[in-house]
Amino acid sequence: MDGHSLRDASVDGHAIGDGSALSRLRVVGVRDGQQVVVRLRLPRGAVVRVADISHDPSAAGGWRRPGQGVAMVRPEVRVESSVRV
């Protein structure tokens, strides 16, 4: 969030928090193909950063399995986008 706060946050219809403003909201454990609906009340002009993170490197285009003897430690594929509301 670009210096603003999130209000009236809900995920799949379930209210998040105790009603006080949030500065970030993270949804984890979403399976491939699963949809999650996030609703927020934001001030006009706020910038929201949305990220999709996977720890499965095969999700990256052009990825190839590393050669024998190469170990991957905490691989991560991250796609981010910022949206002004």
C-alpha atoms as a PDB file:
ATOM      1  CA  MET A   1       0.000   0.000   0.000  1.00  0.00           C
ATOM      2  CA  ASP A   2       1.319   3.384  -0.989  1.00  0.00           C
ATOM      3  CA  GLY A   3       1.131   5.160   2.398  1.00  0.00           C
ATOM      4  CA  HIS A   4      -2.608   4.456   2.733  1.00  0.00           C
ATOM      5  CA  SER A   5      -4.478   1.956   4.894  1.00  0.00           C
ATOM      6  CA  LEU A   6      -6.875  -0.880   4.078  1.00  0.00           C
ATOM      7  CA  ARG A   7     -10.335  -0.758   5.656  1.00  0.00           C
ATOM      8  CA  ASP A   8     -13.237  -3.227   5.754  1.00  0.00           C
ATOM      9  CA  ALA A   9     -11.040  -6.051   4.434  1.00  0.00           C
ATOM     10  CA  SER A  10     -12.600  -9.440   3.694  1.00  0.00           C
ATOM     11  CA  VAL A  11     -11.391 -12.616   2.029  1.00  0.00           C
ATOM     12  CA  ASP A  12     -14.040 -14.869   0.474  1.00  0.00           C
ATOM     13  CA  GLY A  13     -16.677 -13.020   2.506  1.00  0.00           C
ATOM     14  CA  HIS A  14     -14.913 -13.398   5.871  1.00  0.00           C
ATOM     15  CA  ALA A  15     -14.005 -10.140   7.658  1.00  0.00           C
ATOM     16  CA  ILE A  16     -10.299  -9.727   8.440  1.00  0.00           C
ATOM     17  CA  GLY A  17      -9.043  -8.058  11.611  1.00  0.00           C
ATOM     18  CA  ASP A  18     -10.863  -6.220  14.364  1.00  0.00           C
ATOM     19  CA  GLY A  19     -12.034  -3.278  12.235  1.00  0.00           C
ATOM     20  CA  SER A  20      -8.854  -1.245  12.588  1.00  0.00           C
ATOM     21  CA  ALA A  21      -6.953  -0.271   9.445  1.00  0.00           C
ATOM     22  CA  LEU A  22      -4.444  -2.689   7.923  1.00  0.00           C
ATOM     23  CA  SER A  23      -1.290  -1.758   6.023  1.00  0.00           C
ATOM     24  CA  ARG A  24      -0.958  -5.116   4.262  1.00  0.00           C
ATOM     25  CA  LEU A  25      -2.944  -8.273   3.643  1.00  0.00           C
ATOM     26  CA  ARG A  26      -1.366 -11.578   2.684  1.00  0.00           C
ATOM     27  CA  VAL A  27      -3.307 -14.639   1.519  1.00  0.00           C
ATOM     28  CA  VAL A  28      -1.306 -17.888   1.579  1.00  0.00           C
ATOM     29  CA  GLY A  29      -2.039 -21.475   0.608  1.00  0.00           C
ATOM     30  CA  VAL A  30      -4.011 -20.726  -2.556  1.00  0.00           C
ATOM     31  CA  ARG A  31      -3.844 -23.748  -4.841  1.00  0.00           C
ATOM     32  CA  ASP A  32      -3.231 -23.478  -8.590  1.00  0.00           C
ATOM     33  CA  GLY A  33      -6.544 -22.650 -10.289  1.00  0.00           C
ATOM     34  CA  GLN A  34      -8.271 -21.668  -7.020  1.00  0.00           C
ATOM     35  CA  GLN A  35      -9.957 -18.246  -6.941  1.00  0.00           C
ATOM     36  CA  VAL A  36      -9.955 -15.979  -3.896  1.00  0.00           C
ATOM     37  CA  VAL A  37     -12.093 -12.825  -3.636  1.00  0.00           C
ATOM     38  CA  VAL A  38     -10.529  -9.971  -1.645  1.00  0.00           C
ATOM     39  CA  ARG A  39     -12.628  -6.865  -0.942  1.00  0.00           C
ATOM     40  CA  LEU A  40     -11.214  -3.653   0.519  1.00  0.00           C
ATOM     41  CA  ARG A  41     -12.242  -0.052   1.081  1.00  0.00           C
ATOM     42  CA  LEU A  42      -9.451   2.227  -0.114  1.00  0.00           C
ATOM     43  CA  PRO A  43      -9.034   5.976  -0.482  1.00  0.00           C
ATOM     44  CA  ARG A  44      -9.159   7.289  -4.051  1.00  0.00           C
ATOM     45  CA  GLY A  45      -5.706   7.339  -5.624  1.00  0.00           C
ATOM     46  CA  ALA A  46      -4.245   4.598  -3.427  1.00  0.00           C
ATOM     47  CA  VAL A  47      -1.736   2.261  -5.078  1.00  0.00           C
ATOM     48  CA  VAL A  48      -2.129  -1.445  -4.330  1.00  0.00           C
ATOM     49  CA  ARG A  49       0.679  -3.902  -5.044  1.00  0.00           C
ATOM     50  CA  VAL A  50      -0.504  -7.409  -5.886  1.00  0.00           C
ATOM     51  CA  ALA A  51       1.925 -10.340  -6.013  1.00  0.00           C
ATOM     52  CA  ASP A  52       1.592 -13.995  -6.952  1.00  0.00           C
ATOM     53  CA  ILE A  53       4.352 -16.131  -5.469  1.00  0.00           C
ATOM     54  CA  SER A  54       5.034 -19.798  -6.148  1.00  0.00           C
ATOM     55  CA  HIS A  55       7.756 -22.027  -4.757  1.00  0.00           C
ATOM     56  CA  ASP A  56       7.430 -24.344  -7.756  1.00  0.00           C
ATOM     57  CA  PRO A  57      10.109 -23.214 -10.240  1.00  0.00           C
ATOM     58  CA  SER A  58       8.375 -25.064 -13.083  1.00  0.00           C
ATOM     59  CA  ALA A  59       5.801 -22.216 -13.065  1.00  0.00           C
ATOM     60  CA  ALA A  60       8.416 -19.943 -14.680  1.00  0.00           C
ATOM     61  CA  GLY A  61       8.419 -19.874 -18.460  1.00  0.00           C
ATOM     62  CA  GLY A  62      11.552 -21.437 -19.929  1.00  0.00           C
ATOM     63  CA  TRP A  63      12.504 -23.165 -16.666  1.00  0.00           C
ATOM     64  CA  ARG A  64      14.617 -26.301 -16.969  1.00  0.00           C
ATOM     65  CA  ARG A  65      15.480 -28.772 -14.245  1.00  0.00           C
ATOM     66  CA  PRO A  66      19.042 -28.096 -13.019  1.00  0.00           C
ATOM     67  CA  GLY A  67      21.772 -30.548 -13.824  1.00  0.00           C
ATOM     68  CA  GLN A  68      22.851 -33.374 -11.590  1.00  0.00           C
ATOM     69  CA  GLY A  69      24.623 -32.195  -8.445  1.00  0.00           C
ATOM     70  CA  VAL A  70      22.843 -28.813  -8.426  1.00  0.00           C
ATOM     71  CA  ALA A  71      20.607 -28.175  -5.418  1.00  0.00           C
ATOM     72  CA  MET A  72      17.910 -25.525  -5.384  1.00  0.00           C
ATOM     73  CA  VAL A  73      17.477 -23.727  -2.070  1.00  0.00           C
ATOM     74  CA  ARG A  74      14.109 -21.999  -1.564  1.00  0.00           C
ATOM     75  CA  PRO A  75      13.213 -21.434  -5.219  1.00  0.00           C
ATOM     76  CA  GLU A  76      10.635 -18.708  -5.801  1.00  0.00           C
ATOM     77  CA  VAL A  77       8.749 -17.433  -8.834  1.00  0.00           C
ATOM     78  CA  ARG A  78       7.208 -13.991  -8.210  1.00  0.00           C
ATOM     79  CA  VAL A  79       4.929 -11.901 -10.422  1.00  0.00           C
ATOM     80  CA  GLU A  80       4.020  -8.407  -9.177  1.00  0.00           C
ATOM     81  CA  SER A  81       1.777  -5.650 -10.435  1.00  0.00           C
ATOM     82  CA  SER A  82       0.834  -2.252  -9.005  1.00  0.00           C
ATOM     83  CA  VAL A  83      -2.657  -0.847  -9.473  1.00  0.00           C
ATOM     84  CA  ARG A  84      -3.856   2.711  -8.739  1.00  0.00           C
ATOM     85  CA  VAL A  85      -7.503   2.793  -7.604  1.00  0.00           C
END
